[in-house]
């Protein structure tokens, strides 16, 4: 293994210069505003999650990041396989940095995550928290008004805290890791602002040690190259495509219209490239958190439920008898090839029989999940998501601005161990 050569300019210095000199376009700012709304409503939807009482011992920025990630409804940057906004939006709000801070952090996080590459994620790292700590440091440093030297030092000071693994998926540890990343970035930026020195090449060496390459860092293009995918279902992004495919075969729609119910399902086959199920580690989930990372449960729930929402991933729904019965009928056929979470396409095949009649086979395939940049969410779909998240809270979407969002989160998410 060889580290990045110091004969080349440090990637940290290059990204720091980019962060300070960036001038967001109208498209960049529109994306930041959408990320703000999406992230904050998802955070507010988590207001009753028990982990928030436990996370009350953490700094406010970490609490916000935990809240915005725990229900797994936050946006995703597909080229880096990172949940960018759940880290960068809370950092910008905590320090009053606004959209420019968010875009600076998001741009660095996207580029560092892309430099780490798919092998980094495929080996078991939680890229949101590895790349996230570095991106959070850049965004926080910009919010604090540091120059390029200060931003670079902040990024290097965040390296020791840039960790997190996928084995924590399905537990509170996953969202807590995100909180740690956001907090690490703010802490590093404040240390840099106070004058702490650091070696920018620490970022370069860290990328190399994790198997990435700084040669993949490209400062050109929009602030967030590749855009952001908006989730339409509150679960792992690897499930968005299988759910979208299975929904086309929903028992409550086509099958019931033909007089065929869930009891008539004899076999369910899911075909997808092996790389696309990397984070789906719970084949027989027992809790709602585990179900958010279960291919088998997601497909079964999509066949049973008309609306895939928060209730779908409650412990009660996960353990309902019809779901546990159908899970045993699911066969997963994994194919080789591919180098990212959305390689190839997914196919869901349902075999049913009505009475004494012959068995029927229905298939549905999907390449791009709904909500992805290639298949953007419609205005109606976004309204449904926002309404679901804000149910029971007297807040309207237009109430959520860069000036008001921090207070809204603080008011509704503050927890004490009482």
Foldseek 3Di string as FASTA:
>chain_A
DDFDDPVDDFLLLVLLQLLQPPDADPVLQVLLLVLLLLQLLQLLLQLPPPVLQVCLVPDPLLSQLLSSPVLQQAKAQFLLRARQSSQLVSLCLVLVQFSSLSLSLQLQLLLLSNQLFLVLVLVWWHSHQQSLLLSLLLSNLVSVVHHSQLSLQLSQQLNVLRGGGLVCQLHSRVSSSSSSSNVSSNVSSVCSVVPDGGDSCSSRRSSVVSPGHSVSRDSDDHSNPQGIFGALARAHPLQLQLLVFLLVQAQVPPVVVVVHHLVFWQAKEKEEAPSQLSSLDQLQDQALRNLSSHNLLSSLLSNYDNGRYDVCSGNVNSPDPSSNVSSVRYDYHHDHDDRTNQPDKMKMKIWGDDDPDDIDIDMGMDRDGERRPVHNHDPVSVVVSSCSSCVPPPDDSVCRRSVCSSVVSCVSRNHHND
